N, C-alpha and C. Protein backbone atom coordinates (compact mmCIF):
# COMPACT_ATOMS: atom_id res chain seq x y z
N MET A 1 47.00 -29.64 -4.26
CA MET A 1 46.00 -29.37 -5.26
C MET A 1 44.99 -28.39 -4.72
N GLN A 2 44.46 -27.58 -5.61
CA GLN A 2 43.45 -26.64 -5.22
C GLN A 2 42.09 -27.33 -5.22
N SER A 3 41.23 -26.95 -4.29
CA SER A 3 39.89 -27.52 -4.22
C SER A 3 39.10 -27.10 -5.44
N PRO A 4 38.42 -28.05 -6.09
CA PRO A 4 37.66 -27.69 -7.27
C PRO A 4 36.44 -26.82 -6.95
N GLU A 5 35.95 -26.86 -5.70
CA GLU A 5 34.76 -26.09 -5.36
C GLU A 5 35.04 -24.63 -5.02
N LEU A 6 36.30 -24.22 -5.01
CA LEU A 6 36.63 -22.83 -4.70
C LEU A 6 36.31 -21.92 -5.88
N THR A 7 35.62 -20.85 -5.59
CA THR A 7 35.36 -19.85 -6.62
C THR A 7 36.65 -19.08 -6.89
N PRO A 8 36.75 -18.39 -8.01
CA PRO A 8 37.95 -17.59 -8.26
C PRO A 8 38.21 -16.55 -7.17
N GLU A 9 37.14 -15.99 -6.61
CA GLU A 9 37.30 -15.00 -5.54
C GLU A 9 37.86 -15.65 -4.28
N ALA A 10 37.37 -16.86 -3.96
CA ALA A 10 37.87 -17.57 -2.78
C ALA A 10 39.33 -17.97 -2.98
N GLN A 11 39.67 -18.39 -4.19
CA GLN A 11 41.06 -18.75 -4.48
C GLN A 11 41.97 -17.54 -4.35
N THR A 12 41.51 -16.38 -4.82
CA THR A 12 42.29 -15.15 -4.71
C THR A 12 42.48 -14.77 -3.25
N SER A 13 41.44 -14.95 -2.45
CA SER A 13 41.53 -14.66 -1.02
C SER A 13 42.52 -15.59 -0.33
N ARG A 14 42.49 -16.88 -0.67
CA ARG A 14 43.44 -17.84 -0.08
C ARG A 14 44.87 -17.49 -0.45
N THR A 15 45.08 -17.11 -1.70
CA THR A 15 46.41 -16.73 -2.14
C THR A 15 46.88 -15.48 -1.40
N ALA A 16 45.98 -14.53 -1.22
CA ALA A 16 46.33 -13.31 -0.48
C ALA A 16 46.68 -13.65 0.97
N ASP A 17 45.93 -14.58 1.56
CA ASP A 17 46.24 -15.01 2.93
C ASP A 17 47.61 -15.67 3.00
N SER A 18 47.92 -16.52 2.02
CA SER A 18 49.23 -17.18 1.98
C SER A 18 50.34 -16.16 1.82
N ARG A 19 50.13 -15.20 0.95
CA ARG A 19 51.16 -14.18 0.74
C ARG A 19 51.36 -13.34 2.00
N ARG A 20 50.27 -13.00 2.67
CA ARG A 20 50.37 -12.20 3.90
C ARG A 20 51.13 -12.98 4.99
N LEU A 21 50.80 -14.26 5.16
CA LEU A 21 51.50 -15.09 6.13
C LEU A 21 52.96 -15.28 5.72
N GLY A 22 53.19 -15.44 4.43
CA GLY A 22 54.55 -15.63 3.93
C GLY A 22 55.45 -14.43 4.16
N THR A 23 54.87 -13.22 4.15
CA THR A 23 55.68 -12.03 4.41
C THR A 23 56.14 -11.95 5.86
N LEU A 24 55.51 -12.73 6.72
CA LEU A 24 55.94 -12.84 8.12
C LEU A 24 56.87 -14.04 8.32
N VAL A 25 56.47 -15.20 7.82
CA VAL A 25 57.22 -16.44 8.04
C VAL A 25 58.55 -16.44 7.30
N GLY A 26 58.56 -16.04 6.05
CA GLY A 26 59.79 -16.10 5.25
C GLY A 26 60.94 -15.28 5.85
N PRO A 27 60.75 -13.98 6.03
CA PRO A 27 61.83 -13.18 6.61
C PRO A 27 62.20 -13.61 8.04
N SER A 28 61.21 -14.05 8.82
CA SER A 28 61.50 -14.52 10.19
C SER A 28 62.39 -15.75 10.14
N LEU A 29 62.05 -16.69 9.28
CA LEU A 29 62.86 -17.90 9.15
C LEU A 29 64.28 -17.56 8.72
N MET A 30 64.41 -16.65 7.76
CA MET A 30 65.75 -16.25 7.30
C MET A 30 66.56 -15.60 8.43
N ALA A 31 65.95 -14.72 9.20
CA ALA A 31 66.66 -14.03 10.28
C ALA A 31 67.06 -15.01 11.38
N ILE A 32 66.15 -15.91 11.74
CA ILE A 32 66.46 -16.89 12.79
C ILE A 32 67.60 -17.80 12.35
N ILE A 33 67.52 -18.30 11.13
CA ILE A 33 68.56 -19.20 10.63
C ILE A 33 69.89 -18.47 10.52
N ALA A 34 69.89 -17.26 10.02
CA ALA A 34 71.14 -16.51 9.90
C ALA A 34 71.76 -16.25 11.27
N SER A 35 70.94 -15.97 12.27
CA SER A 35 71.48 -15.70 13.60
C SER A 35 72.02 -16.95 14.29
N GLU A 36 71.52 -18.14 13.90
CA GLU A 36 71.99 -19.39 14.49
C GLU A 36 73.13 -20.02 13.71
N PHE A 37 73.52 -19.45 12.61
CA PHE A 37 74.55 -20.03 11.74
C PHE A 37 75.85 -20.24 12.52
N PRO A 38 76.46 -21.41 12.41
CA PRO A 38 77.67 -21.71 13.20
C PRO A 38 78.82 -20.73 13.02
N LEU A 39 78.93 -20.09 11.86
CA LEU A 39 80.00 -19.11 11.68
C LEU A 39 79.70 -17.81 12.41
N VAL A 40 78.42 -17.57 12.69
CA VAL A 40 78.01 -16.36 13.42
C VAL A 40 78.11 -16.60 14.92
N GLN A 41 77.56 -17.73 15.37
CA GLN A 41 77.59 -18.08 16.79
C GLN A 41 78.02 -19.54 16.93
N PRO A 42 79.32 -19.80 16.90
CA PRO A 42 79.82 -21.17 16.84
C PRO A 42 79.45 -22.07 18.02
N HIS A 43 79.24 -21.53 19.18
CA HIS A 43 78.97 -22.35 20.36
C HIS A 43 77.57 -22.10 20.94
N LEU A 44 76.67 -21.68 20.09
CA LEU A 44 75.33 -21.33 20.55
C LEU A 44 74.66 -22.48 21.28
N TYR A 45 74.66 -23.67 20.72
CA TYR A 45 73.96 -24.79 21.33
C TYR A 45 74.77 -25.46 22.42
N ALA A 46 76.07 -25.36 22.38
CA ALA A 46 76.91 -25.99 23.40
C ALA A 46 76.74 -25.31 24.75
N GLN A 47 76.36 -24.05 24.76
CA GLN A 47 76.28 -23.30 26.00
C GLN A 47 74.86 -23.15 26.54
N GLN A 48 73.88 -23.79 25.92
CA GLN A 48 72.51 -23.66 26.40
C GLN A 48 72.24 -24.66 27.52
N ILE A 49 71.37 -24.25 28.42
CA ILE A 49 70.94 -25.14 29.49
C ILE A 49 69.55 -25.69 29.13
N PRO A 50 69.17 -26.85 29.65
CA PRO A 50 67.88 -27.45 29.27
C PRO A 50 66.66 -26.54 29.40
N PRO A 51 66.56 -25.69 30.43
CA PRO A 51 65.37 -24.81 30.48
C PRO A 51 65.28 -23.85 29.29
N VAL A 52 66.42 -23.41 28.78
CA VAL A 52 66.40 -22.52 27.61
C VAL A 52 65.98 -23.30 26.37
N VAL A 53 66.46 -24.54 26.25
CA VAL A 53 66.06 -25.40 25.13
C VAL A 53 64.55 -25.64 25.22
N TYR A 54 64.06 -25.91 26.42
CA TYR A 54 62.62 -26.13 26.63
C TYR A 54 61.83 -24.89 26.21
N LEU A 55 62.28 -23.71 26.63
CA LEU A 55 61.58 -22.47 26.28
C LEU A 55 61.56 -22.27 24.78
N SER A 56 62.68 -22.48 24.11
CA SER A 56 62.70 -22.31 22.65
C SER A 56 61.78 -23.34 21.99
N GLY A 57 61.69 -24.53 22.56
CA GLY A 57 60.77 -25.54 22.04
C GLY A 57 59.32 -25.11 22.18
N THR A 58 59.00 -24.52 23.32
CA THR A 58 57.65 -24.04 23.54
C THR A 58 57.29 -22.95 22.53
N LEU A 59 58.21 -22.03 22.31
CA LEU A 59 57.96 -20.96 21.34
C LEU A 59 57.82 -21.51 19.93
N LEU A 60 58.68 -22.47 19.57
CA LEU A 60 58.57 -23.10 18.25
C LEU A 60 57.23 -23.82 18.10
N PHE A 61 56.83 -24.55 19.13
CA PHE A 61 55.57 -25.28 19.08
C PHE A 61 54.39 -24.33 18.87
N VAL A 62 54.35 -23.26 19.63
CA VAL A 62 53.24 -22.30 19.53
C VAL A 62 53.24 -21.63 18.15
N ALA A 63 54.42 -21.25 17.66
CA ALA A 63 54.50 -20.62 16.34
C ALA A 63 54.06 -21.60 15.25
N GLY A 64 54.53 -22.83 15.33
CA GLY A 64 54.14 -23.84 14.34
C GLY A 64 52.65 -24.12 14.38
N LEU A 65 52.10 -24.22 15.57
CA LEU A 65 50.67 -24.47 15.71
C LEU A 65 49.86 -23.31 15.13
N ALA A 66 50.31 -22.09 15.36
CA ALA A 66 49.62 -20.92 14.81
C ALA A 66 49.64 -20.96 13.28
N ILE A 67 50.78 -21.31 12.70
CA ILE A 67 50.88 -21.38 11.24
C ILE A 67 49.94 -22.46 10.70
N VAL A 68 49.98 -23.64 11.29
CA VAL A 68 49.17 -24.75 10.79
C VAL A 68 47.67 -24.47 10.98
N ARG A 69 47.31 -23.81 12.07
CA ARG A 69 45.89 -23.50 12.30
C ARG A 69 45.32 -22.59 11.23
N VAL A 70 46.12 -21.66 10.72
CA VAL A 70 45.61 -20.74 9.70
C VAL A 70 46.01 -21.14 8.28
N HIS A 71 46.95 -22.07 8.17
CA HIS A 71 47.45 -22.40 6.83
C HIS A 71 47.85 -23.87 6.74
N ASN A 72 46.91 -24.77 6.78
CA ASN A 72 47.18 -26.20 6.61
C ASN A 72 46.73 -26.60 5.22
N ARG A 73 47.44 -26.07 4.22
CA ARG A 73 47.07 -26.27 2.82
C ARG A 73 48.14 -27.07 2.11
N TRP A 74 47.72 -28.11 1.44
CA TRP A 74 48.65 -29.00 0.75
C TRP A 74 48.47 -28.82 -0.76
N ALA A 75 48.89 -27.68 -1.26
CA ALA A 75 48.79 -27.36 -2.68
C ALA A 75 50.13 -27.65 -3.36
N ARG A 76 50.09 -27.80 -4.65
CA ARG A 76 51.32 -28.04 -5.41
C ARG A 76 51.90 -26.72 -5.90
N ASP A 77 52.21 -25.87 -4.96
CA ASP A 77 52.85 -24.60 -5.26
C ASP A 77 53.66 -24.16 -4.05
N TRP A 78 54.16 -22.95 -4.07
CA TRP A 78 55.04 -22.47 -3.01
C TRP A 78 54.35 -22.42 -1.65
N THR A 79 53.03 -22.34 -1.61
CA THR A 79 52.33 -22.20 -0.34
C THR A 79 52.48 -23.43 0.55
N VAL A 80 52.80 -24.58 -0.03
CA VAL A 80 53.02 -25.78 0.79
C VAL A 80 54.24 -25.59 1.69
N LEU A 81 55.16 -24.72 1.30
CA LEU A 81 56.33 -24.46 2.15
C LEU A 81 55.91 -23.84 3.48
N LEU A 82 54.85 -23.03 3.47
CA LEU A 82 54.34 -22.46 4.72
C LEU A 82 53.79 -23.56 5.62
N THR A 83 53.01 -24.45 5.03
CA THR A 83 52.44 -25.55 5.80
C THR A 83 53.54 -26.45 6.36
N LEU A 84 54.52 -26.79 5.53
CA LEU A 84 55.63 -27.64 5.99
C LEU A 84 56.43 -26.95 7.09
N THR A 85 56.63 -25.64 6.97
CA THR A 85 57.34 -24.90 8.00
C THR A 85 56.60 -24.98 9.33
N GLY A 86 55.29 -24.85 9.29
CA GLY A 86 54.50 -24.97 10.51
C GLY A 86 54.61 -26.35 11.13
N TRP A 87 54.49 -27.40 10.33
CA TRP A 87 54.58 -28.76 10.86
C TRP A 87 55.98 -29.07 11.38
N MET A 88 57.02 -28.58 10.69
CA MET A 88 58.38 -28.80 11.19
C MET A 88 58.60 -28.09 12.52
N ALA A 89 58.05 -26.89 12.66
CA ALA A 89 58.18 -26.15 13.92
C ALA A 89 57.47 -26.88 15.05
N ILE A 90 56.31 -27.45 14.77
CA ILE A 90 55.60 -28.23 15.78
C ILE A 90 56.45 -29.42 16.21
N GLY A 91 56.97 -30.16 15.24
CA GLY A 91 57.78 -31.34 15.55
C GLY A 91 59.02 -31.01 16.34
N LEU A 92 59.78 -30.02 15.87
CA LEU A 92 61.01 -29.64 16.58
C LEU A 92 60.69 -29.07 17.95
N GLY A 93 59.61 -28.31 18.04
CA GLY A 93 59.21 -27.77 19.34
C GLY A 93 58.90 -28.86 20.34
N LEU A 94 58.18 -29.89 19.90
CA LEU A 94 57.87 -31.01 20.79
C LEU A 94 59.13 -31.75 21.24
N VAL A 95 60.06 -31.96 20.32
CA VAL A 95 61.32 -32.62 20.68
C VAL A 95 62.06 -31.80 21.72
N ARG A 96 62.15 -30.50 21.49
CA ARG A 96 62.85 -29.64 22.45
C ARG A 96 62.14 -29.57 23.80
N MET A 97 60.82 -29.66 23.80
CA MET A 97 60.06 -29.60 25.04
C MET A 97 60.18 -30.89 25.85
N PHE A 98 60.05 -32.03 25.20
CA PHE A 98 60.02 -33.29 25.92
C PHE A 98 61.37 -33.96 26.09
N ALA A 99 62.39 -33.48 25.37
CA ALA A 99 63.73 -34.06 25.50
C ALA A 99 64.77 -32.95 25.48
N ALA A 100 64.55 -31.93 26.29
CA ALA A 100 65.42 -30.75 26.29
C ALA A 100 66.87 -31.09 26.60
N GLY A 101 67.09 -31.89 27.63
CA GLY A 101 68.46 -32.25 28.00
C GLY A 101 69.15 -33.08 26.93
N ALA A 102 68.45 -34.07 26.41
CA ALA A 102 69.03 -34.92 25.36
C ALA A 102 69.26 -34.13 24.09
N TYR A 103 68.34 -33.23 23.75
CA TYR A 103 68.50 -32.41 22.56
C TYR A 103 69.73 -31.51 22.69
N ARG A 104 69.88 -30.88 23.86
CA ARG A 104 71.03 -30.01 24.06
C ARG A 104 72.33 -30.78 23.97
N ALA A 105 72.37 -31.96 24.58
CA ALA A 105 73.59 -32.77 24.56
C ALA A 105 73.94 -33.21 23.14
N SER A 106 72.95 -33.64 22.39
CA SER A 106 73.24 -34.09 21.02
C SER A 106 73.61 -32.90 20.13
N ALA A 107 72.97 -31.76 20.36
CA ALA A 107 73.28 -30.57 19.56
C ALA A 107 74.71 -30.10 19.82
N ALA A 108 75.16 -30.23 21.06
CA ALA A 108 76.52 -29.79 21.41
C ALA A 108 77.57 -30.68 20.76
N GLN A 109 77.23 -31.93 20.47
CA GLN A 109 78.19 -32.86 19.89
C GLN A 109 78.09 -32.98 18.37
N THR A 110 77.14 -32.32 17.76
CA THR A 110 76.97 -32.39 16.32
C THR A 110 77.98 -31.49 15.64
N ALA A 111 78.58 -31.99 14.57
CA ALA A 111 79.58 -31.22 13.82
C ALA A 111 78.96 -29.98 13.20
N PRO A 112 79.68 -28.87 13.20
CA PRO A 112 79.15 -27.62 12.63
C PRO A 112 78.73 -27.76 11.16
N ILE A 113 79.40 -28.62 10.41
CA ILE A 113 79.06 -28.78 8.99
C ILE A 113 77.63 -29.31 8.82
N VAL A 114 77.17 -30.11 9.78
CA VAL A 114 75.79 -30.62 9.73
C VAL A 114 74.82 -29.46 9.88
N TYR A 115 75.09 -28.58 10.84
CA TYR A 115 74.24 -27.40 11.01
C TYR A 115 74.27 -26.52 9.77
N MET A 116 75.44 -26.36 9.21
CA MET A 116 75.57 -25.51 8.02
C MET A 116 74.72 -26.05 6.87
N ALA A 117 74.71 -27.35 6.68
CA ALA A 117 73.94 -27.96 5.60
C ALA A 117 72.43 -27.80 5.86
N ILE A 118 72.01 -28.12 7.07
CA ILE A 118 70.58 -28.00 7.40
C ILE A 118 70.13 -26.55 7.31
N GLU A 119 70.93 -25.66 7.85
CA GLU A 119 70.56 -24.26 7.84
C GLU A 119 70.58 -23.65 6.45
N ALA A 120 71.44 -24.16 5.58
CA ALA A 120 71.43 -23.69 4.18
C ALA A 120 70.11 -24.05 3.51
N VAL A 121 69.63 -25.26 3.76
CA VAL A 121 68.33 -25.68 3.20
C VAL A 121 67.20 -24.83 3.78
N LEU A 122 67.20 -24.63 5.10
CA LEU A 122 66.14 -23.84 5.73
C LEU A 122 66.18 -22.38 5.28
N PHE A 123 67.38 -21.83 5.11
CA PHE A 123 67.50 -20.46 4.64
C PHE A 123 66.97 -20.34 3.21
N THR A 124 67.23 -21.34 2.40
CA THR A 124 66.71 -21.36 1.03
C THR A 124 65.19 -21.41 1.03
N ILE A 125 64.61 -22.22 1.91
CA ILE A 125 63.15 -22.27 2.04
C ILE A 125 62.60 -20.91 2.46
N GLY A 126 63.24 -20.28 3.44
CA GLY A 126 62.82 -18.95 3.87
C GLY A 126 62.91 -17.92 2.75
N THR A 127 63.97 -18.02 1.95
CA THR A 127 64.13 -17.12 0.81
C THR A 127 63.03 -17.35 -0.21
N ALA A 128 62.73 -18.61 -0.52
CA ALA A 128 61.68 -18.93 -1.49
C ALA A 128 60.32 -18.40 -1.02
N ILE A 129 60.02 -18.58 0.26
CA ILE A 129 58.76 -18.07 0.80
C ILE A 129 58.71 -16.55 0.70
N THR A 130 59.81 -15.90 1.06
CA THR A 130 59.88 -14.44 1.02
C THR A 130 59.70 -13.91 -0.39
N VAL A 131 60.44 -14.47 -1.33
CA VAL A 131 60.36 -14.00 -2.72
C VAL A 131 58.95 -14.21 -3.27
N ALA A 132 58.37 -15.40 -3.04
CA ALA A 132 57.03 -15.67 -3.55
C ALA A 132 55.99 -14.77 -2.90
N SER A 133 56.17 -14.46 -1.64
CA SER A 133 55.19 -13.63 -0.93
C SER A 133 55.23 -12.18 -1.35
N TYR A 134 56.42 -11.67 -1.64
CA TYR A 134 56.56 -10.27 -1.99
C TYR A 134 56.51 -10.01 -3.49
N ARG A 135 56.52 -11.06 -4.29
CA ARG A 135 56.52 -10.90 -5.75
C ARG A 135 55.22 -10.23 -6.20
N ARG A 136 55.35 -9.27 -7.08
CA ARG A 136 54.17 -8.59 -7.61
C ARG A 136 53.44 -9.48 -8.59
N GLY A 137 52.15 -9.46 -8.50
CA GLY A 137 51.32 -10.18 -9.46
C GLY A 137 51.37 -11.68 -9.33
N ALA A 138 51.97 -12.21 -8.25
CA ALA A 138 52.03 -13.66 -8.08
C ALA A 138 50.64 -14.18 -7.78
N ARG A 139 50.27 -15.25 -8.47
CA ARG A 139 48.95 -15.84 -8.25
C ARG A 139 48.98 -16.86 -7.13
N SER A 140 50.02 -17.70 -7.08
CA SER A 140 50.08 -18.70 -6.01
C SER A 140 51.45 -19.24 -5.84
């Protein structure tokens, strides 16, 4: 929900901020998901060592924290996807940081169809963020 105390100018500024962030997050999410797709790189997670998993977790955590710090908005529109993306990145980053070996082992044993399903959902979220961010005249 939008805050009732926001002036129309403040609301326009918040929407512009969301759109600006979305033009970065949406395409980035799509590119990352597409590059990790099991049909593109079938053994990507099976061949990783724990320090690489840890490093990717650290990067995810920092990216998620940056998103949430500038965009922790729980509105009933597309902008909530940005906030959820930030929180999911924080959560996954922490798992990869604190359980790198276990994460790598479980990822190596997970069926590719599971990754395909999860990545299809994430790619759809990235597409929705991208379309909403680049759409002309979009209010929110």
